[in-house]
C-alpha atoms as a PDB file:
ATOM      1  CA  UNK A   1     -25.384  -9.152  -7.556  1.00  0.00           C
ATOM      2  CA  UNK A   2     -26.074  -7.761  -4.098  1.00  0.00           C
ATOM      3  CA  UNK A   3     -24.749  -4.242  -3.814  1.00  0.00           C
ATOM      4  CA  UNK A   4     -24.070  -2.291  -0.626  1.00  0.00           C
ATOM      5  CA  UNK A   5     -25.750   1.028   0.033  1.00  0.00           C
ATOM      6  CA  UNK A   6     -24.041   4.016  -1.547  1.00  0.00           C
ATOM      7  CA  UNK A   7     -22.868   5.397   1.770  1.00  0.00           C
ATOM      8  CA  UNK A   8     -20.830   2.212   2.323  1.00  0.00           C
ATOM      9  CA  UNK A   9     -18.943   2.163  -1.005  1.00  0.00           C
ATOM     10  CA  UNK A  10     -16.043   4.194   0.347  1.00  0.00           C
ATOM     11  CA  UNK A  11     -15.751   2.164   3.538  1.00  0.00           C
ATOM     12  CA  UNK A  12     -15.733  -1.133   1.617  1.00  0.00           C
ATOM     13  CA  UNK A  13     -12.993   0.050  -0.747  1.00  0.00           C
ATOM     14  CA  UNK A  14     -10.836   1.333   2.110  1.00  0.00           C
ATOM     15  CA  UNK A  15     -11.347  -1.827   4.158  1.00  0.00           C
ATOM     16  CA  UNK A  16     -10.405  -4.114   1.250  1.00  0.00           C
ATOM     17  CA  UNK A  17      -7.238  -2.129   0.560  1.00  0.00           C
ATOM     18  CA  UNK A  18      -6.231  -2.201   4.217  1.00  0.00           C
ATOM     19  CA  UNK A  19      -7.048  -5.896   4.640  1.00  0.00           C
ATOM     20  CA  UNK A  20      -5.338  -7.070   1.452  1.00  0.00           C
ATOM     21  CA  UNK A  21      -2.659  -4.481   0.638  1.00  0.00           C
ATOM     22  CA  UNK A  22      -2.084  -2.968   4.110  1.00  0.00           C
ATOM     23  CA  UNK A  23      -2.495   0.579   2.835  1.00  0.00           C
ATOM     24  CA  UNK A  24      -5.065   3.251   2.110  1.00  0.00           C
ATOM     25  CA  UNK A  25      -6.316   3.286  -1.500  1.00  0.00           C
ATOM     26  CA  UNK A  26      -4.586   5.711  -3.839  1.00  0.00           C
ATOM     27  CA  UNK A  27      -6.863   8.341  -5.385  1.00  0.00           C
ATOM     28  CA  UNK A  28      -6.834   6.771  -8.841  1.00  0.00           C
ATOM     29  CA  UNK A  29      -7.692   3.280  -7.592  1.00  0.00           C
ATOM     30  CA  UNK A  30     -10.312   4.572  -5.175  1.00  0.00           C
ATOM     31  CA  UNK A  31     -12.137   6.558  -7.869  1.00  0.00           C
ATOM     32  CA  UNK A  32     -11.932   3.673 -10.334  1.00  0.00           C
ATOM     33  CA  UNK A  33     -13.601   1.186  -7.987  1.00  0.00           C
ATOM     34  CA  UNK A  34     -16.040   3.782  -6.666  1.00  0.00           C
ATOM     35  CA  UNK A  35     -17.339   4.408 -10.191  1.00  0.00           C
ATOM     36  CA  UNK A  36     -17.744   0.666 -10.765  1.00  0.00           C
ATOM     37  CA  UNK A  37     -19.804   0.415  -7.584  1.00  0.00           C
ATOM     38  CA  UNK A  38     -21.966   3.393  -8.512  1.00  0.00           C
ATOM     39  CA  UNK A  39     -22.600   1.998 -11.984  1.00  0.00           C
ATOM     40  CA  UNK A  40     -23.573  -1.376 -10.471  1.00  0.00           C
ATOM     41  CA  UNK A  41     -20.670  -3.133 -12.182  1.00  0.00           C
ATOM     42  CA  UNK A  42     -18.974  -4.304  -8.969  1.00  0.00           C
ATOM     43  CA  UNK A  43     -19.721  -5.766  -5.572  1.00  0.00           C
ATOM     44  CA  UNK A  44     -17.438  -6.508  -2.621  1.00  0.00           C
ATOM     45  CA  UNK A  45     -16.547  -9.986  -3.875  1.00  0.00           C
ATOM     46  CA  UNK A  46     -15.598  -8.544  -7.253  1.00  0.00           C
ATOM     47  CA  UNK A  47     -13.458  -5.881  -5.597  1.00  0.00           C
ATOM     48  CA  UNK A  48     -11.580  -8.511  -3.606  1.00  0.00           C
ATOM     49  CA  UNK A  49     -10.986 -10.531  -6.773  1.00  0.00           C
ATOM     50  CA  UNK A  50      -9.701  -7.447  -8.598  1.00  0.00           C
ATOM     51  CA  UNK A  51      -7.220  -6.667  -5.832  1.00  0.00           C
ATOM     52  CA  UNK A  52      -6.078 -10.291  -5.541  1.00  0.00           C
ATOM     53  CA  UNK A  53      -5.367 -10.366  -9.289  1.00  0.00           C
ATOM     54  CA  UNK A  54      -3.142  -7.271  -9.099  1.00  0.00           C
ATOM     55  CA  UNK A  55       0.652  -7.416  -9.341  1.00  0.00           C
ATOM     56  CA  UNK A  56       0.888  -5.532  -6.066  1.00  0.00           C
ATOM     57  CA  UNK A  57      -1.092  -8.181  -4.177  1.00  0.00           C
ATOM     58  CA  UNK A  58       1.051 -10.982  -5.615  1.00  0.00           C
ATOM     59  CA  UNK A  59       4.201  -9.533  -4.006  1.00  0.00           C
ATOM     60  CA  UNK A  60       2.563  -8.508  -0.729  1.00  0.00           C
ATOM     61  CA  UNK A  61       3.231 -10.956   2.143  1.00  0.00           C
ATOM     62  CA  UNK A  62       0.103 -12.377   3.733  1.00  0.00           C
ATOM     63  CA  UNK A  63      -1.010 -11.909   7.324  1.00  0.00           C
ATOM     64  CA  UNK A  64       1.435  -9.243   8.346  1.00  0.00           C
ATOM     65  CA  UNK A  65       1.203  -7.546  11.729  1.00  0.00           C
ATOM     66  CA  UNK A  66       3.146  -4.354  11.125  1.00  0.00           C
ATOM     67  CA  UNK A  67       3.372  -3.611  14.828  1.00  0.00           C
ATOM     68  CA  UNK A  68       5.216  -6.844  15.634  1.00  0.00           C
ATOM     69  CA  UNK A  69       8.116  -6.488  13.230  1.00  0.00           C
ATOM     70  CA  UNK A  70      11.183  -4.284  13.039  1.00  0.00           C
ATOM     71  CA  UNK A  71      11.028  -2.154   9.886  1.00  0.00           C
ATOM     72  CA  UNK A  72      14.861  -2.267   9.686  1.00  0.00           C
ATOM     73  CA  UNK A  73      15.198   1.460   9.153  1.00  0.00           C
ATOM     74  CA  UNK A  74      18.582   1.463  10.897  1.00  0.00           C
ATOM     75  CA  UNK A  75      19.890  -1.318   8.671  1.00  0.00           C
ATOM     76  CA  UNK A  76      18.622  -0.039   5.311  1.00  0.00           C
ATOM     77  CA  UNK A  77      20.845   2.217   3.247  1.00  0.00           C
ATOM     78  CA  UNK A  78      18.784   4.418   0.926  1.00  0.00           C
ATOM     79  CA  UNK A  79      20.970   6.747  -1.143  1.00  0.00           C
ATOM     80  CA  UNK A  80      19.309   9.820  -2.637  1.00  0.00           C
ATOM     81  CA  UNK A  81      20.495  11.301  -5.938  1.00  0.00           C
ATOM     82  CA  UNK A  82      20.023  15.025  -6.543  1.00  0.00           C
ATOM     83  CA  UNK A  83      20.586  16.798  -9.858  1.00  0.00           C
ATOM     84  CA  UNK A  84      20.296  20.504  -9.040  1.00  0.00           C
ATOM     85  CA  UNK A  85      20.844  24.067 -10.208  1.00  0.00           C
ATOM     86  CA  UNK A  86      19.848  27.301  -8.459  1.00  0.00           C
ATOM     87  CA  UNK A  87      17.299  25.877  -6.034  1.00  0.00           C
ATOM     88  CA  UNK A  88      18.358  27.639  -2.848  1.00  0.00           C
ATOM     89  CA  UNK A  89      14.717  28.465  -2.080  1.00  0.00           C
ATOM     90  CA  UNK A  90      13.833  24.769  -1.670  1.00  0.00           C
ATOM     91  CA  UNK A  91      16.978  22.701  -1.204  1.00  0.00           C
ATOM     92  CA  UNK A  92      17.266  23.066   2.585  1.00  0.00           C
ATOM     93  CA  UNK A  93      13.752  21.710   3.186  1.00  0.00           C
ATOM     94  CA  UNK A  94      14.248  19.040   0.539  1.00  0.00           C
ATOM     95  CA  UNK A  95      17.462  17.778   2.138  1.00  0.00           C
ATOM     96  CA  UNK A  96      15.960  18.014   5.616  1.00  0.00           C
ATOM     97  CA  UNK A  97      13.136  15.611   4.793  1.00  0.00           C
ATOM     98  CA  UNK A  98      15.247  13.398   2.542  1.00  0.00           C
ATOM     99  CA  UNK A  99      17.776  12.983   5.355  1.00  0.00           C
ATOM    100  CA  UNK A 100      15.082  11.388   7.502  1.00  0.00           C
ATOM    101  CA  UNK A 101      14.910   8.388   5.164  1.00  0.00           C
ATOM    102  CA  UNK A 102      18.214   8.493   3.266  1.00  0.00           C
ATOM    103  CA  UNK A 103      21.427   7.662   5.088  1.00  0.00           C
ATOM    104  CA  UNK A 104      23.473   9.194   2.301  1.00  0.00           C
ATOM    105  CA  UNK A 105      22.875  11.777  -0.407  1.00  0.00           C
ATOM    106  CA  UNK A 106      24.906  12.424  -3.568  1.00  0.00           C
ATOM    107  CA  UNK A 107      24.578  15.676  -5.481  1.00  0.00           C
ATOM    108  CA  UNK A 108      25.350  16.808  -9.017  1.00  0.00           C
ATOM    109  CA  UNK A 109      25.302  20.594  -9.280  1.00  0.00           C
ATOM    110  CA  UNK A 110      25.030  21.890 -12.845  1.00  0.00           C
ATOM    111  CA  UNK A 111      26.580  25.315 -12.269  1.00  0.00           C
ATOM    112  CA  UNK A 112      24.522  26.962  -9.528  1.00  0.00           C
ATOM    113  CA  UNK A 113      25.181  30.666  -9.051  1.00  0.00           C
ATOM    114  CA  UNK A 114      23.083  31.103  -5.902  1.00  0.00           C
ATOM    115  CA  UNK A 115      23.548  29.566  -2.411  1.00  0.00           C
ATOM    116  CA  UNK A 116      22.484  26.046  -3.407  1.00  0.00           C
ATOM    117  CA  UNK A 117      25.923  24.440  -3.005  1.00  0.00           C
ATOM    118  CA  UNK A 118      26.625  26.303   0.220  1.00  0.00           C
ATOM    119  CA  UNK A 119      23.407  24.904   1.700  1.00  0.00           C
ATOM    120  CA  UNK A 120      24.135  21.351   0.514  1.00  0.00           C
ATOM    121  CA  UNK A 121      27.495  21.326   2.259  1.00  0.00           C
ATOM    122  CA  UNK A 122      25.795  21.939   5.617  1.00  0.00           C
ATOM    123  CA  UNK A 123      24.078  18.537   5.620  1.00  0.00           C
ATOM    124  CA  UNK A 124      26.101  15.621   6.972  1.00  0.00           C
ATOM    125  CA  UNK A 125      24.104  13.135   4.903  1.00  0.00           C
ATOM    126  CA  UNK A 126      25.418  14.808   1.747  1.00  0.00           C
ATOM    127  CA  UNK A 127      28.479  12.626   1.243  1.00  0.00           C
ATOM    128  CA  UNK A 128      29.521  13.440  -2.333  1.00  0.00           C
ATOM    129  CA  UNK A 129      29.112  16.523  -4.546  1.00  0.00           C
ATOM    130  CA  UNK A 130      30.008  16.692  -8.233  1.00  0.00           C
ATOM    131  CA  UNK A 131      30.079  20.218  -9.643  1.00  0.00           C
ATOM    132  CA  UNK A 132      30.159  20.976 -13.343  1.00  0.00           C
ATOM    133  CA  UNK A 133      29.953  24.174 -15.359  1.00  0.00           C
ATOM    134  CA  UNK A 134      29.804  25.058 -19.018  1.00  0.00           C
ATOM    135  CA  UNK A 135      28.629  21.675 -20.297  1.00  0.00           C
ATOM    136  CA  UNK A 136      25.785  21.286 -22.809  1.00  0.00           C
ATOM    137  CA  UNK A 137      22.494  20.506 -21.109  1.00  0.00           C
ATOM    138  CA  UNK A 138      22.023  16.717 -20.887  1.00  0.00           C
ATOM    139  CA  UNK A 139      19.793  15.216 -18.201  1.00  0.00           C
ATOM    140  CA  UNK A 140      20.536  11.566 -19.017  1.00  0.00           C
ATOM    141  CA  UNK A 141      24.301  12.126 -18.895  1.00  0.00           C
ATOM    142  CA  UNK A 142      23.955  13.778 -15.496  1.00  0.00           C
ATOM    143  CA  UNK A 143      21.689  11.087 -14.061  1.00  0.00           C
ATOM    144  CA  UNK A 144      24.126   8.371 -15.102  1.00  0.00           C
ATOM    145  CA  UNK A 145      26.942  10.272 -13.382  1.00  0.00           C
ATOM    146  CA  UNK A 146      24.787  10.391 -10.252  1.00  0.00           C
ATOM    147  CA  UNK A 147      24.021   6.695 -10.551  1.00  0.00           C
ATOM    148  CA  UNK A 148      27.729   5.842 -10.496  1.00  0.00           C
ATOM    149  CA  UNK A 149      28.214   8.119  -7.489  1.00  0.00           C
ATOM    150  CA  UNK A 150      25.330   6.463  -5.649  1.00  0.00           C
ATOM    151  CA  UNK A 151      26.428   2.896  -6.399  1.00  0.00           C
ATOM    152  CA  UNK A 152      29.823   3.602  -4.829  1.00  0.00           C
ATOM    153  CA  UNK A 153      27.975   4.012  -1.521  1.00  0.00           C
ATOM    154  CA  UNK A 154      26.790   0.356  -1.706  1.00  0.00           C
ATOM    155  CA  UNK A 155      23.099   1.198  -1.320  1.00  0.00           C
ATOM    156  CA  UNK A 156      20.157  -1.088  -0.719  1.00  0.00           C
ATOM    157  CA  UNK A 157      17.986   1.399  -2.605  1.00  0.00           C
ATOM    158  CA  UNK A 158      18.556   4.483  -4.715  1.00  0.00           C
ATOM    159  CA  UNK A 159      16.034   7.309  -4.732  1.00  0.00           C
ATOM    160  CA  UNK A 160      15.929  10.148  -7.265  1.00  0.00           C
ATOM    161  CA  UNK A 161      14.844  13.561  -5.974  1.00  0.00           C
ATOM    162  CA  UNK A 162      15.004  16.998  -7.602  1.00  0.00           C
ATOM    163  CA  UNK A 163      15.908  20.127  -5.687  1.00  0.00           C
ATOM    164  CA  UNK A 164      12.394  21.579  -5.843  1.00  0.00           C
ATOM    165  CA  UNK A 165      10.785  18.398  -4.515  1.00  0.00           C
ATOM    166  CA  UNK A 166      10.095  17.706  -0.839  1.00  0.00           C
ATOM    167  CA  UNK A 167       9.055  14.404   0.732  1.00  0.00           C
ATOM    168  CA  UNK A 168       5.964  14.746   2.867  1.00  0.00           C
ATOM    169  CA  UNK A 169       6.511  14.826   6.654  1.00  0.00           C
ATOM    170  CA  UNK A 170       6.768  11.472   8.463  1.00  0.00           C
ATOM    171  CA  UNK A 171       7.665   9.653   5.268  1.00  0.00           C
ATOM    172  CA  UNK A 172      10.022   7.351   7.158  1.00  0.00           C
ATOM    173  CA  UNK A 173       7.159   5.916   9.229  1.00  0.00           C
ATOM    174  CA  UNK A 174       5.511   4.736   6.007  1.00  0.00           C
ATOM    175  CA  UNK A 175       8.412   4.029   3.676  1.00  0.00           C
ATOM    176  CA  UNK A 176      10.445   1.598   5.775  1.00  0.00           C
ATOM    177  CA  UNK A 177       7.377  -0.530   6.493  1.00  0.00           C
ATOM    178  CA  UNK A 178       6.654  -0.638   2.765  1.00  0.00           C
ATOM    179  CA  UNK A 179      10.114  -1.592   1.552  1.00  0.00           C
ATOM    180  CA  UNK A 180      11.034  -4.060   4.300  1.00  0.00           C
ATOM    181  CA  UNK A 181       7.726  -5.525   5.546  1.00  0.00           C
ATOM    182  CA  UNK A 182       4.870  -5.025   3.107  1.00  0.00           C
ATOM    183  CA  UNK A 183       6.780  -5.336  -0.198  1.00  0.00           C
ATOM    184  CA  UNK A 184      10.128  -6.908   0.763  1.00  0.00           C
ATOM    185  CA  UNK A 185      10.876  -8.071  -2.800  1.00  0.00           C
ATOM    186  CA  UNK A 186       9.393  -5.239  -4.865  1.00  0.00           C
ATOM    187  CA  UNK A 187      12.048  -3.878  -7.265  1.00  0.00           C
ATOM    188  CA  UNK A 188      10.549  -0.455  -8.033  1.00  0.00           C
ATOM    189  CA  UNK A 189       8.521   2.061  -6.007  1.00  0.00           C
ATOM    190  CA  UNK A 190       6.569   4.968  -7.460  1.00  0.00           C
ATOM    191  CA  UNK A 191       5.414   8.097  -5.652  1.00  0.00           C
ATOM    192  CA  UNK A 192       2.500  10.412  -6.251  1.00  0.00           C
ATOM    193  CA  UNK A 193       3.654  13.865  -7.310  1.00  0.00           C
ATOM    194  CA  UNK A 194       1.655  16.767  -5.876  1.00  0.00           C
ATOM    195  CA  UNK A 195       1.963  20.080  -7.817  1.00  0.00           C
ATOM    196  CA  UNK A 196       2.038  22.617  -4.986  1.00  0.00           C
ATOM    197  CA  UNK A 197       0.420  25.957  -5.789  1.00  0.00           C
ATOM    198  CA  UNK A 198       0.787  29.370  -4.119  1.00  0.00           C
ATOM    199  CA  UNK A 199       0.060  28.274  -0.512  1.00  0.00           C
ATOM    200  CA  UNK A 200       1.769  25.723   1.799  1.00  0.00           C
ATOM    201  CA  UNK A 201      -1.182  23.290   1.799  1.00  0.00           C
ATOM    202  CA  UNK A 202      -2.620  24.050  -1.651  1.00  0.00           C
ATOM    203  CA  UNK A 203      -2.035  22.099  -4.853  1.00  0.00           C
ATOM    204  CA  UNK A 204      -3.188  22.299  -8.450  1.00  0.00           C
ATOM    205  CA  UNK A 205      -5.936  19.732  -8.920  1.00  0.00           C
ATOM    206  CA  UNK A 206      -5.161  18.028 -12.224  1.00  0.00           C
ATOM    207  CA  UNK A 207      -7.634  15.205 -11.695  1.00  0.00           C
ATOM    208  CA  UNK A 208      -6.507  12.095 -13.544  1.00  0.00           C
ATOM    209  CA  UNK A 209      -3.354  13.933 -14.679  1.00  0.00           C
ATOM    210  CA  UNK A 210      -1.843  13.766 -11.186  1.00  0.00           C
ATOM    211  CA  UNK A 211       1.310  11.805 -11.879  1.00  0.00           C
ATOM    212  CA  UNK A 212       2.996   8.806 -10.329  1.00  0.00           C
ATOM    213  CA  UNK A 213       6.722   8.526 -10.970  1.00  0.00           C
ATOM    214  CA  UNK A 214       9.109   5.653 -10.395  1.00  0.00           C
ATOM    215  CA  UNK A 215      11.719   7.195  -8.137  1.00  0.00           C
ATOM    216  CA  UNK A 216      13.133   4.389  -5.986  1.00  0.00           C
ATOM    217  CA  UNK A 217      14.805   1.145  -7.042  1.00  0.00           C
ATOM    218  CA  UNK A 218      15.918  -1.844  -4.979  1.00  0.00           C
ATOM    219  CA  UNK A 219      19.518  -2.600  -5.964  1.00  0.00           C
ATOM    220  CA  UNK A 220      19.421  -6.316  -5.189  1.00  0.00           C
ATOM    221  CA  UNK A 221      18.855  -8.174  -8.441  1.00  0.00           C
ATOM    222  CA  UNK A 222      19.836  -5.281 -10.694  1.00  0.00           C
ATOM    223  CA  UNK A 223      22.320  -5.958 -13.543  1.00  0.00           C
ATOM    224  CA  UNK A 224      25.766  -4.390 -13.419  1.00  0.00           C
ATOM    225  CA  UNK A 225      25.111  -2.398 -16.585  1.00  0.00           C
ATOM    226  CA  UNK A 226      21.965  -0.638 -15.307  1.00  0.00           C
ATOM    227  CA  UNK A 227      21.642   2.908 -16.578  1.00  0.00           C
ATOM    228  CA  UNK A 228      19.278   5.713 -17.514  1.00  0.00           C
ATOM    229  CA  UNK A 229      18.444   5.845 -21.206  1.00  0.00           C
ATOM    230  CA  UNK A 230      18.464   8.617 -23.800  1.00  0.00           C
ATOM    231  CA  UNK A 231      15.216  10.415 -24.693  1.00  0.00           C
ATOM    232  CA  UNK A 232      13.842  11.795 -27.940  1.00  0.00           C
ATOM    233  CA  UNK A 233      14.011  15.397 -26.728  1.00  0.00           C
ATOM    234  CA  UNK A 234      16.840  17.959 -27.010  1.00  0.00           C
ATOM    235  CA  UNK A 235      19.250  17.740 -24.091  1.00  0.00           C
ATOM    236  CA  UNK A 236      17.593  14.474 -23.087  1.00  0.00           C
ATOM    237  CA  UNK A 237      14.764  16.422 -21.512  1.00  0.00           C
ATOM    238  CA  UNK A 238      11.978  14.475 -19.773  1.00  0.00           C
ATOM    239  CA  UNK A 239      14.083  11.415 -18.922  1.00  0.00           C
ATOM    240  CA  UNK A 240      12.447   8.349 -17.517  1.00  0.00           C
ATOM    241  CA  UNK A 241      13.326   7.914 -13.861  1.00  0.00           C
ATOM    242  CA  UNK A 242      13.140   4.171 -14.382  1.00  0.00           C
ATOM    243  CA  UNK A 243      16.393   2.352 -15.018  1.00  0.00           C
ATOM    244  CA  UNK A 244      16.747   0.468 -18.305  1.00  0.00           C
ATOM    245  CA  UNK A 245      16.597  -2.834 -16.418  1.00  0.00           C
ATOM    246  CA  UNK A 246      13.245  -2.086 -14.747  1.00  0.00           C
ATOM    247  CA  UNK A 247      10.886  -1.491 -17.651  1.00  0.00           C
ATOM    248  CA  UNK A 248       9.033  -4.756 -17.143  1.00  0.00           C
ATOM    249  CA  UNK A 249       9.269  -4.829 -13.349  1.00  0.00           C
ATOM    250  CA  UNK A 250       6.370  -4.805 -10.919  1.00  0.00           C
ATOM    251  CA  UNK A 251       5.946  -1.230  -9.720  1.00  0.00           C
ATOM    252  CA  UNK A 252       4.512  -0.622  -6.253  1.00  0.00           C
ATOM    253  CA  UNK A 253       2.749   2.639  -5.485  1.00  0.00           C
ATOM    254  CA  UNK A 254       4.028   4.031  -2.212  1.00  0.00           C
ATOM    255  CA  UNK A 255       1.756   5.879   0.200  1.00  0.00           C
ATOM    256  CA  UNK A 256       4.507   8.499   0.484  1.00  0.00           C
ATOM    257  CA  UNK A 257       3.830  11.660  -1.524  1.00  0.00           C
ATOM    258  CA  UNK A 258       6.413  13.996  -3.040  1.00  0.00           C
ATOM    259  CA  UNK A 259       5.387  17.647  -3.035  1.00  0.00           C
ATOM    260  CA  UNK A 260       6.678  19.472  -6.123  1.00  0.00           C
ATOM    261  CA  UNK A 261       7.307  23.230  -5.942  1.00  0.00           C
ATOM    262  CA  UNK A 262       8.604  23.837  -9.469  1.00  0.00           C
ATOM    263  CA  UNK A 263       5.444  25.767 -10.424  1.00  0.00           C
ATOM    264  CA  UNK A 264       4.605  27.131  -6.987  1.00  0.00           C
ATOM    265  CA  UNK A 265       4.466  30.803  -8.021  1.00  0.00           C
ATOM    266  CA  UNK A 266       3.693  32.720 -11.186  1.00  0.00           C
ATOM    267  CA  UNK A 267       7.359  33.723 -11.465  1.00  0.00           C
ATOM    268  CA  UNK A 268       8.498  30.093 -11.250  1.00  0.00           C
ATOM    269  CA  UNK A 269       5.949  29.055 -13.870  1.00  0.00           C
ATOM    270  CA  UNK A 270       7.185  31.729 -16.266  1.00  0.00           C
ATOM    271  CA  UNK A 271      10.796  30.703 -15.666  1.00  0.00           C
ATOM    272  CA  UNK A 272      10.002  27.036 -16.316  1.00  0.00           C
ATOM    273  CA  UNK A 273       8.114  27.921 -19.495  1.00  0.00           C
ATOM    274  CA  UNK A 274      11.085  29.939 -20.749  1.00  0.00           C
ATOM    275  CA  UNK A 275      13.535  27.174 -19.801  1.00  0.00           C
ATOM    276  CA  UNK A 276      11.705  24.470 -21.730  1.00  0.00           C
ATOM    277  CA  UNK A 277      11.201  26.657 -24.796  1.00  0.00           C
ATOM    278  CA  UNK A 278      14.859  27.608 -24.759  1.00  0.00           C
ATOM    279  CA  UNK A 279      16.000  23.990 -24.840  1.00  0.00           C
ATOM    280  CA  UNK A 280      13.105  22.545 -26.835  1.00  0.00           C
ATOM    281  CA  UNK A 281      11.664  25.265 -29.106  1.00  0.00           C
ATOM    282  CA  UNK A 282       8.667  24.485 -31.292  1.00  0.00           C
ATOM    283  CA  UNK A 283       7.771  21.450 -29.244  1.00  0.00           C
ATOM    284  CA  UNK A 284       4.625  19.714 -30.475  1.00  0.00           C
ATOM    285  CA  UNK A 285       4.420  16.754 -28.094  1.00  0.00           C
ATOM    286  CA  UNK A 286       3.654  19.044 -25.146  1.00  0.00           C
ATOM    287  CA  UNK A 287       2.018  21.814 -27.205  1.00  0.00           C
ATOM    288  CA  UNK A 288       4.943  24.171 -26.774  1.00  0.00           C
ATOM    289  CA  UNK A 289       4.717  23.764 -22.982  1.00  0.00           C
ATOM    290  CA  UNK A 290       1.747  26.136 -22.878  1.00  0.00           C
ATOM    291  CA  UNK A 291       0.169  23.949 -20.204  1.00  0.00           C
ATOM    292  CA  UNK A 292       2.614  25.377 -17.670  1.00  0.00           C
ATOM    293  CA  UNK A 293       0.918  28.764 -17.968  1.00  0.00           C
ATOM    294  CA  UNK A 294      -2.713  27.754 -18.501  1.00  0.00           C
ATOM    295  CA  UNK A 295      -5.460  28.032 -15.883  1.00  0.00           C
ATOM    296  CA  UNK A 296      -3.382  30.520 -13.931  1.00  0.00           C
ATOM    297  CA  UNK A 297      -6.176  33.057 -13.384  1.00  0.00           C
ATOM    298  CA  UNK A 298      -8.811  30.581 -12.169  1.00  0.00           C
ATOM    299  CA  UNK A 299      -7.000  27.348 -11.342  1.00  0.00           C
ATOM    300  CA  UNK A 300      -8.801  24.380  -9.849  1.00  0.00           C
ATOM    301  CA  UNK A 301      -7.078  23.758  -6.543  1.00  0.00           C
ATOM    302  CA  UNK A 302      -7.388  21.360  -3.632  1.00  0.00           C
ATOM    303  CA  UNK A 303      -5.770  21.085  -0.215  1.00  0.00           C
ATOM    304  CA  UNK A 304      -3.515  18.546   1.454  1.00  0.00           C
ATOM    305  CA  UNK A 305      -4.514  17.348   4.929  1.00  0.00           C
ATOM    306  CA  UNK A 306      -2.403  18.274   7.917  1.00  0.00           C
ATOM    307  CA  UNK A 307       0.673  16.087   8.129  1.00  0.00           C
ATOM    308  CA  UNK A 308       1.233  15.839   4.370  1.00  0.00           C
ATOM    309  CA  UNK A 309       2.893  19.243   3.857  1.00  0.00           C
ATOM    310  CA  UNK A 310       5.330  21.572   5.579  1.00  0.00           C
ATOM    311  CA  UNK A 311       3.374  24.570   6.909  1.00  0.00           C
ATOM    312  CA  UNK A 312       6.521  26.702   6.995  1.00  0.00           C
ATOM    313  CA  UNK A 313       7.025  26.763   3.231  1.00  0.00           C
ATOM    314  CA  UNK A 314       6.993  30.355   1.951  1.00  0.00           C
END
């Protein structure tokens, strides 16, 4: 097996991804193949074979010139679904960036007492708002209400976003090429979630724990009875964002990142810890949610490059 020099490992991985999948390698895939190269368990031919055997490659059209084709952004109706409560610190930015890719947005407000609803009503893309108060906490119930609201808009895709989540800038330049040109038949798209931490460009480096979540579904081909399922946690906490009909579907990893601000400050982390322990006391699966508060004094952090975060976040 003839191996390239170490300084060329990264370039070979990036080139193969761009040539075969028309995208930069995700961090997890890049590190996986890089380790194989370093341990002399892979060469360029083996890398190409690995990529060609992937589900993603099988649904990626061959020989695409992205500059020659219309990405159909004006024809594609993506409907965003928001389940929110008391997120007036983040919701304006979240809706601003979501409106760049989503023609319509539906909102379920679970009894906000701050300015969240007032802010939502300012955005023309917000076409339907359902407000409820006094109901027992139930995430699955609420997401199925949102699903019905979204389907009334006759979408091509539905995207699930929370009020403390913000799409990275220029997402539309990437996303419409992915859904209409690169993966025109892919049923489910997942996004890398970046846990933002204390500064506009800083995030908590969780290594392999950085999560990918299935947040966008192509409606074509979905059954009429699609729905979000119950969970094993009180109040249906920690629901899957994948519809019941998509559990065995091919899932494409988008190059679009979603920046999550739910644990951005110490105060927010303490509030989240209290929230989860209120609704799910004595939890053992997540160790009583202590992970939300760990590594606060000396966290391992990293930084997003310019263009992948909003510098005006406070």
